[in-house]
Amino acid sequence: MLGELAVCVAGIYTCFLTWQLTQERVTTHKYNDARFRYFIFLNLVQSLCASTVGTLYQLLVRREALHRPSRALWLKYLQCALLSTCAPLFGYAALKHIDYPTVILGKSCKLVPVLLMNFLIYRRTFPASKYAVVALITAGVSAFMLLHKQEDADGHAKKGQTPSSSAYGLALLLVNLLMDGAVNSTQDRIFHKFHVSGSSMMVFLNLIASSLMAAYLLVWPYTDELAQALAFCSAHPQIIVDILLFGFCGAVGQCFIYHTLERFGAVSLVTVTVTRKMFSILLSFFWFEHHVSPGQWGAVALVFAGIGIEAGMKRSSSAAAAADKGDAKKIK
């Protein structure tokens, strides 16, 4: 079980590191002195790629057919798709009122709203050890990000800016985090209640998200983003390869994400995604020989303590499950 989780973690880290690099290229690279600025179109391509890759994974790797969801399942999928589509809007809006380090610190605490929304929406509780793990990882990642030195425009290192205290911006960030938590807890609920596969959920959620974005681009009278994006691609055909690579990397990464969700639950998945940023920074520190402060090493120790407890819990549960199976065979 731990080996399977390790493969999922490696897959998520690798795919989304590559995805981040391709996203940066698409959105910042100049194509004949012009930059691509059509982000809803980009997200639409991402969703279409993810639904296609998810379908192929379901049919060719899992060798299972895609079954039409029931009405109750459709409603749950629609709920997830709407929340996951709207949540980033609040995050972007929050950035207009609070600074970026504050948003990063908020995202570092994402495990907390996942637990909170699991309880508020579905009355689901967790063992005390799980709350200890969440507390350690949240404290460690938050401290690491707070102590992370960022470079100013002149290349001089400076500590993260003092977080802004705009009440409106913090409220928008809170809504963003609660929506994300509701998405993760609803996905957990779908797996437990409807027993769907991760790739099946991936396909239908991305199809719904694609439909919502396509409807906006085609029907909303105050935007011509679709026409402009297609014209940009026609004028600069070299960007098409970059966009498709961006979509493919994200789609393969989603396969690992939904497999992790299906096998290990939302809390384990969010632990992986929350710590990914910290480990990426650590990797860059080692690669470029930057200094890591004692406080940051202490924060890393907290995170590893939480991960160690989580690993011990999973090992104990696996051993208990194996023992139960052995007892059942003896009884037979």
Protein backbone atom coordinates (compact mmCIF):
# COMPACT_ATOMS: atom_id res chain seq x y z
CA MET A 1 0.00 0.00 0.00
CA LEU A 2 2.83 2.42 0.87
CA GLY A 3 4.59 1.48 -2.39
CA GLU A 4 1.44 2.30 -4.33
CA LEU A 5 1.14 5.66 -2.55
CA ALA A 6 4.82 6.40 -3.27
CA VAL A 7 4.23 5.78 -7.00
CA CYS A 8 1.23 8.13 -6.91
CA VAL A 9 3.26 10.82 -5.12
CA ALA A 10 6.09 10.52 -7.65
CA GLY A 11 3.60 10.66 -10.52
CA ILE A 12 1.86 13.77 -9.14
CA TYR A 13 5.15 15.57 -8.48
CA THR A 14 6.62 14.71 -11.89
CA CYS A 15 3.52 15.47 -13.96
CA PHE A 16 2.65 18.73 -12.26
CA LEU A 17 6.23 20.00 -12.24
CA THR A 18 6.23 19.49 -16.02
CA TRP A 19 2.70 20.91 -16.24
CA GLN A 20 3.80 24.02 -14.35
CA LEU A 21 6.72 24.55 -16.72
CA THR A 22 4.52 24.18 -19.82
CA GLN A 23 1.90 26.48 -18.30
CA GLU A 24 4.56 29.11 -17.69
CA ARG A 25 5.78 28.78 -21.27
CA VAL A 26 2.28 29.12 -22.76
CA THR A 27 1.33 32.13 -20.63
CA THR A 28 4.64 34.06 -20.53
CA HIS A 29 6.53 33.12 -23.72
CA LYS A 30 6.30 35.63 -26.55
CA TYR A 31 5.14 34.14 -29.85
CA ASN A 32 6.38 36.66 -32.41
CA ASP A 33 6.13 39.41 -29.74
CA ALA A 34 2.58 38.38 -28.75
CA ARG A 35 1.51 36.65 -25.56
CA PHE A 36 -1.33 34.20 -25.06
CA ARG A 37 -3.91 35.63 -22.63
CA TYR A 38 -6.95 33.36 -23.10
CA PHE A 39 -7.09 31.38 -19.88
CA ILE A 40 -10.65 30.03 -20.05
CA PHE A 41 -9.85 28.60 -23.49
CA LEU A 42 -6.67 27.08 -22.00
CA ASN A 43 -8.66 25.50 -19.16
CA LEU A 44 -11.19 24.18 -21.68
CA VAL A 45 -8.40 22.43 -23.60
CA GLN A 46 -7.09 21.05 -20.29
CA SER A 47 -10.52 19.59 -19.39
CA LEU A 48 -11.01 18.08 -22.84
CA CYS A 49 -7.55 16.46 -22.70
CA ALA A 50 -8.26 15.13 -19.21
CA SER A 51 -11.62 13.61 -20.20
CA THR A 52 -9.98 11.97 -23.24
CA VAL A 53 -7.00 10.56 -21.32
CA GLY A 54 -9.31 9.45 -18.49
CA THR A 55 -11.51 7.57 -20.96
CA LEU A 56 -8.50 5.81 -22.51
CA TYR A 57 -7.18 4.91 -19.05
CA GLN A 58 -10.56 3.49 -18.01
CA LEU A 59 -10.96 1.44 -21.21
CA LEU A 60 -7.39 0.32 -21.92
CA VAL A 61 -5.67 0.15 -18.51
CA ARG A 62 -8.51 -0.70 -16.14
CA ARG A 63 -10.38 -2.54 -18.92
CA GLU A 64 -13.71 -1.31 -17.62
CA ALA A 65 -16.60 0.30 -19.48
CA LEU A 66 -17.79 3.81 -18.65
CA HIS A 67 -21.28 3.41 -17.21
CA ARG A 68 -23.84 6.16 -17.40
CA PRO A 69 -24.15 7.78 -13.95
CA SER A 70 -27.44 7.70 -12.06
CA ARG A 71 -29.35 10.93 -11.52
CA ALA A 72 -28.07 11.19 -7.93
CA LEU A 73 -24.49 10.70 -9.10
CA TRP A 74 -24.92 13.28 -11.88
CA LEU A 75 -26.03 15.81 -9.27
CA LYS A 76 -22.95 15.09 -7.14
CA TYR A 77 -20.69 15.41 -10.19
CA LEU A 78 -22.39 18.70 -11.10
CA GLN A 79 -21.89 19.96 -7.55
CA CYS A 80 -18.16 19.15 -7.70
CA ALA A 81 -17.73 20.64 -11.17
CA LEU A 82 -19.47 23.91 -10.25
CA LEU A 83 -17.47 24.29 -7.04
CA SER A 84 -14.14 23.46 -8.69
CA THR A 85 -14.90 25.89 -11.54
CA CYS A 86 -15.95 28.75 -9.25
CA ALA A 87 -13.36 28.30 -6.47
CA PRO A 88 -10.39 29.70 -8.46
CA LEU A 89 -12.40 32.85 -9.26
CA PHE A 90 -12.48 33.70 -5.55
CA GLY A 91 -8.77 32.97 -5.29
CA TYR A 92 -7.95 35.33 -8.16
CA ALA A 93 -10.26 37.99 -6.69
CA ALA A 94 -8.55 37.65 -3.29
CA LEU A 95 -5.20 38.52 -4.89
CA LYS A 96 -6.57 41.98 -5.71
CA HIS A 97 -6.98 42.74 -2.00
CA ILE A 98 -4.28 40.71 -0.21
CA ASP A 99 -0.68 39.96 -1.15
CA TYR A 100 0.59 36.75 -2.68
CA PRO A 101 2.39 35.42 0.45
CA THR A 102 -0.92 35.58 2.33
CA VAL A 103 -2.59 33.49 -0.36
CA ILE A 104 0.28 30.96 -0.23
CA LEU A 105 -0.06 30.71 3.55
CA GLY A 106 -3.79 30.17 3.16
CA LYS A 107 -3.23 27.40 0.63
CA SER A 108 -0.75 25.81 3.04
CA CYS A 109 -3.67 25.32 5.46
CA LYS A 110 -5.86 23.56 2.90
CA LEU A 111 -5.97 20.36 4.95
CA VAL A 112 -8.01 22.14 7.63
CA PRO A 113 -11.01 23.05 5.43
CA VAL A 114 -11.00 19.51 3.99
CA LEU A 115 -11.52 18.09 7.49
CA LEU A 116 -13.96 20.87 8.36
CA MET A 117 -16.15 20.39 5.27
CA ASN A 118 -16.12 16.61 5.74
CA PHE A 119 -17.64 17.19 9.17
CA LEU A 120 -20.02 20.05 8.30
CA ILE A 121 -21.46 18.51 5.12
CA TYR A 122 -21.27 14.77 5.78
CA ARG A 123 -20.75 14.58 9.58
CA ARG A 124 -17.64 12.50 8.95
CA THR A 125 -15.02 12.36 11.69
CA PHE A 126 -11.45 11.01 11.74
CA PRO A 127 -9.21 9.35 14.36
CA ALA A 128 -7.35 11.69 16.73
CA SER A 129 -4.06 10.66 15.07
CA LYS A 130 -5.33 12.05 11.75
CA TYR A 131 -5.97 15.46 13.32
CA ALA A 132 -2.44 15.36 14.81
CA VAL A 133 -1.01 14.62 11.35
CA VAL A 134 -2.96 17.50 9.80
CA ALA A 135 -1.84 19.88 12.57
CA LEU A 136 1.85 18.94 12.15
CA ILE A 137 1.84 19.18 8.36
CA THR A 138 -0.16 22.43 8.30
CA ALA A 139 2.11 24.05 10.90
CA GLY A 140 5.25 22.84 9.13
CA VAL A 141 4.26 23.93 5.62
CA SER A 142 2.90 27.28 6.85
CA ALA A 143 6.09 28.02 8.81
CA PHE A 144 8.28 26.98 5.86
CA MET A 145 6.37 29.28 3.48
CA LEU A 146 6.38 32.15 5.97
CA LEU A 147 10.16 31.87 6.38
CA HIS A 148 10.80 31.37 2.68
CA LYS A 149 12.95 34.17 1.30
CA GLN A 150 11.82 35.64 -1.98
CA GLU A 151 13.91 37.78 -4.28
CA ASP A 152 13.00 41.36 -5.04
CA ALA A 153 13.27 43.01 -8.43
CA ASP A 154 16.98 43.73 -7.88
CA GLY A 155 17.76 40.09 -7.13
CA HIS A 156 18.26 40.64 -3.39
CA ALA A 157 16.74 38.09 -1.07
CA LYS A 158 14.00 39.24 1.25
CA LYS A 159 11.61 37.45 3.55
CA GLY A 160 8.01 36.97 2.51
CA GLN A 161 6.11 40.21 2.73
CA THR A 162 4.03 40.85 5.82
CA PRO A 163 0.63 39.34 5.09
CA SER A 164 -2.02 41.87 4.20
CA SER A 165 -4.94 42.21 6.59
CA SER A 166 -7.66 43.20 4.14
CA ALA A 167 -10.80 41.68 5.65
CA TYR A 168 -12.51 41.48 2.26
CA GLY A 169 -9.54 39.74 0.65
CA LEU A 170 -9.24 37.28 3.52
CA ALA A 171 -12.97 36.55 3.24
CA LEU A 172 -12.57 35.79 -0.47
CA LEU A 173 -9.62 33.51 0.30
CA LEU A 174 -11.67 31.73 2.97
CA VAL A 175 -14.48 31.10 0.48
CA ASN A 176 -11.93 29.72 -1.97
CA LEU A 177 -10.52 27.33 0.65
CA LEU A 178 -13.96 26.21 1.84
CA MET A 179 -15.05 25.52 -1.75
CA ASP A 180 -11.91 23.44 -2.33
CA GLY A 181 -12.59 21.59 0.90
CA ALA A 182 -16.19 20.95 -0.16
CA VAL A 183 -14.98 19.53 -3.50
CA ASN A 184 -12.55 17.12 -1.82
CA SER A 185 -15.07 16.00 0.81
CA THR A 186 -17.77 15.49 -1.86
CA GLN A 187 -15.37 13.41 -3.94
CA ASP A 188 -14.67 11.27 -0.88
CA ARG A 189 -18.43 10.89 -0.38
CA ILE A 190 -18.93 9.82 -4.00
CA PHE A 191 -16.32 7.07 -3.69
CA HIS A 192 -17.85 5.75 -0.48
CA LYS A 193 -21.49 5.94 -1.58
CA PHE A 194 -21.40 5.16 -5.31
CA HIS A 195 -18.21 3.04 -5.53
CA VAL A 196 -17.06 4.59 -8.81
CA SER A 197 -13.52 4.39 -10.14
CA GLY A 198 -11.19 7.37 -9.98
CA SER A 199 -10.83 7.49 -13.77
CA SER A 200 -14.61 7.40 -14.21
CA MET A 201 -15.00 10.39 -11.88
CA MET A 202 -12.18 12.15 -13.73
CA VAL A 203 -13.93 11.70 -17.07
CA PHE A 204 -17.36 12.95 -16.01
CA LEU A 205 -16.13 15.86 -13.91
CA ASN A 206 -13.99 17.11 -16.78
CA LEU A 207 -16.82 16.64 -19.28
CA ILE A 208 -19.12 18.76 -17.10
CA ALA A 209 -16.41 21.39 -16.59
CA SER A 210 -15.77 21.44 -20.35
CA SER A 211 -19.48 21.93 -21.02
CA LEU A 212 -19.68 24.83 -18.56
CA MET A 213 -16.65 26.60 -20.05
CA ALA A 214 -17.73 25.94 -23.65
CA ALA A 215 -21.20 27.31 -22.88
CA TYR A 216 -19.64 30.45 -21.42
CA LEU A 217 -17.35 30.96 -24.43
CA LEU A 218 -20.11 30.30 -26.98
CA VAL A 219 -23.14 31.88 -25.33
CA TRP A 220 -21.98 34.73 -23.09
CA PRO A 221 -22.43 37.87 -25.23
CA TYR A 222 -19.75 39.94 -23.50
CA THR A 223 -16.75 37.82 -24.47
CA ASP A 224 -15.11 36.91 -27.77
CA GLU A 225 -12.30 34.93 -26.12
CA LEU A 226 -12.91 31.80 -28.19
CA ALA A 227 -12.60 33.62 -31.51
CA GLN A 228 -9.51 35.51 -30.32
CA ALA A 229 -7.85 32.35 -28.98
CA LEU A 230 -8.46 30.46 -32.24
CA ALA A 231 -7.16 33.44 -34.23
CA PHE A 232 -4.03 33.52 -32.05
CA CYS A 233 -3.42 29.80 -32.64
CA SER A 234 -3.93 30.28 -36.37
CA ALA A 235 -1.46 33.18 -36.46
CA HIS A 236 1.08 31.43 -34.21
CA PRO A 237 0.74 27.67 -34.90
CA GLN A 238 3.81 26.85 -32.79
CA ILE A 239 1.73 27.48 -29.65
CA ILE A 240 -0.59 24.56 -30.49
CA VAL A 241 2.09 22.01 -29.52
CA ASP A 242 2.70 23.85 -26.22
CA ILE A 243 -1.03 23.96 -25.40
CA LEU A 244 -1.49 20.27 -26.17
CA LEU A 245 1.59 19.37 -24.09
CA PHE A 246 0.16 21.47 -21.24
CA GLY A 247 -3.16 19.63 -21.50
CA PHE A 248 -1.54 16.19 -21.72
CA CYS A 249 0.73 16.73 -18.68
CA GLY A 250 -2.21 17.94 -16.62
CA ALA A 251 -4.35 15.01 -17.79
CA VAL A 252 -1.77 12.38 -16.83
CA GLY A 253 -1.30 14.15 -13.50
CA GLN A 254 -5.04 13.96 -12.93
CA CYS A 255 -4.90 10.18 -13.46
CA PHE A 256 -2.52 9.96 -10.50
CA ILE A 257 -4.64 12.41 -8.50
CA TYR A 258 -7.90 10.52 -8.96
CA HIS A 259 -6.21 7.18 -8.30
CA THR A 260 -4.87 8.64 -5.03
CA LEU A 261 -8.35 9.94 -4.19
CA GLU A 262 -9.91 6.55 -4.87
CA ARG A 263 -7.36 4.48 -2.94
CA PHE A 264 -6.25 6.80 -0.11
CA GLY A 265 -8.87 9.54 0.29
CA ALA A 266 -8.96 13.33 0.06
CA VAL A 267 -6.86 14.00 3.17
CA SER A 268 -3.92 11.98 1.82
CA LEU A 269 -4.25 13.64 -1.59
CA VAL A 270 -4.31 17.17 -0.16
CA THR A 271 -1.29 16.27 2.00
CA VAL A 272 0.60 15.42 -1.20
CA THR A 273 -0.48 18.57 -3.06
CA VAL A 274 0.13 20.87 -0.06
CA THR A 275 3.65 19.54 0.54
CA ARG A 276 4.55 19.54 -3.18
CA LYS A 277 5.30 23.28 -3.18
CA MET A 278 7.56 22.96 -0.14
CA PHE A 279 9.53 20.05 -1.60
CA SER A 280 9.86 21.91 -4.91
CA ILE A 281 11.41 24.86 -3.07
CA LEU A 282 13.72 22.51 -1.16
CA LEU A 283 14.82 20.90 -4.42
CA SER A 284 15.62 24.30 -5.91
CA PHE A 285 17.59 25.19 -2.75
CA PHE A 286 19.77 22.09 -3.10
CA TRP A 287 20.09 22.46 -6.87
CA PHE A 288 21.17 26.11 -6.75
CA GLU A 289 22.94 25.80 -3.37
CA HIS A 290 20.75 28.33 -1.57
CA HIS A 291 20.76 28.66 2.21
CA VAL A 292 18.04 26.97 4.27
CA SER A 293 17.50 28.66 7.65
CA PRO A 294 17.33 26.66 10.91
CA GLY A 295 13.69 27.70 11.26
CA GLN A 296 12.90 26.20 7.85
CA TRP A 297 14.66 22.95 8.79
CA GLY A 298 12.48 22.86 11.90
CA ALA A 299 9.40 23.33 9.71
CA VAL A 300 10.55 20.49 7.44
CA ALA A 301 10.99 18.29 10.53
CA LEU A 302 7.36 18.97 11.51
CA VAL A 303 6.16 17.96 8.05
CA PHE A 304 8.22 14.75 8.07
CA ALA A 305 6.95 13.96 11.55
CA GLY A 306 3.38 14.22 10.26
CA ILE A 307 4.18 12.13 7.18
CA GLY A 308 5.91 9.54 9.38
CA ILE A 309 2.87 9.23 11.63
CA GLU A 310 0.63 8.89 8.58
CA ALA A 311 2.88 6.18 7.13
CA GLY A 312 2.86 4.32 10.45
CA MET A 313 -0.94 4.49 10.54
CA LYS A 314 -1.20 3.08 7.03
CA ARG A 315 1.29 0.30 7.82
CA SER A 316 -0.67 -0.63 10.96
CA SER A 317 -3.99 -0.63 9.09
CA SER A 318 -2.50 -2.79 6.31
CA ALA A 319 -1.14 -5.27 8.88
CA ALA A 320 -4.50 -5.37 10.66
CA ALA A 321 -6.33 -5.97 7.38
CA ALA A 322 -3.93 -8.80 6.46
CA ALA A 323 -4.40 -10.36 9.91
CA ASP A 324 -8.19 -10.17 9.54
CA LYS A 325 -7.98 -11.93 6.18
CA GLY A 326 -5.78 -14.65 7.71
CA ASP A 327 -8.24 -15.18 10.56
CA ALA A 328 -11.12 -15.38 8.10
CA LYS A 329 -9.31 -18.08 6.09
CA LYS A 330 -8.66 -20.11 9.26
CA ILE A 331 -12.33 -19.93 10.21
CA LYS A 332 -13.30 -21.21 6.76
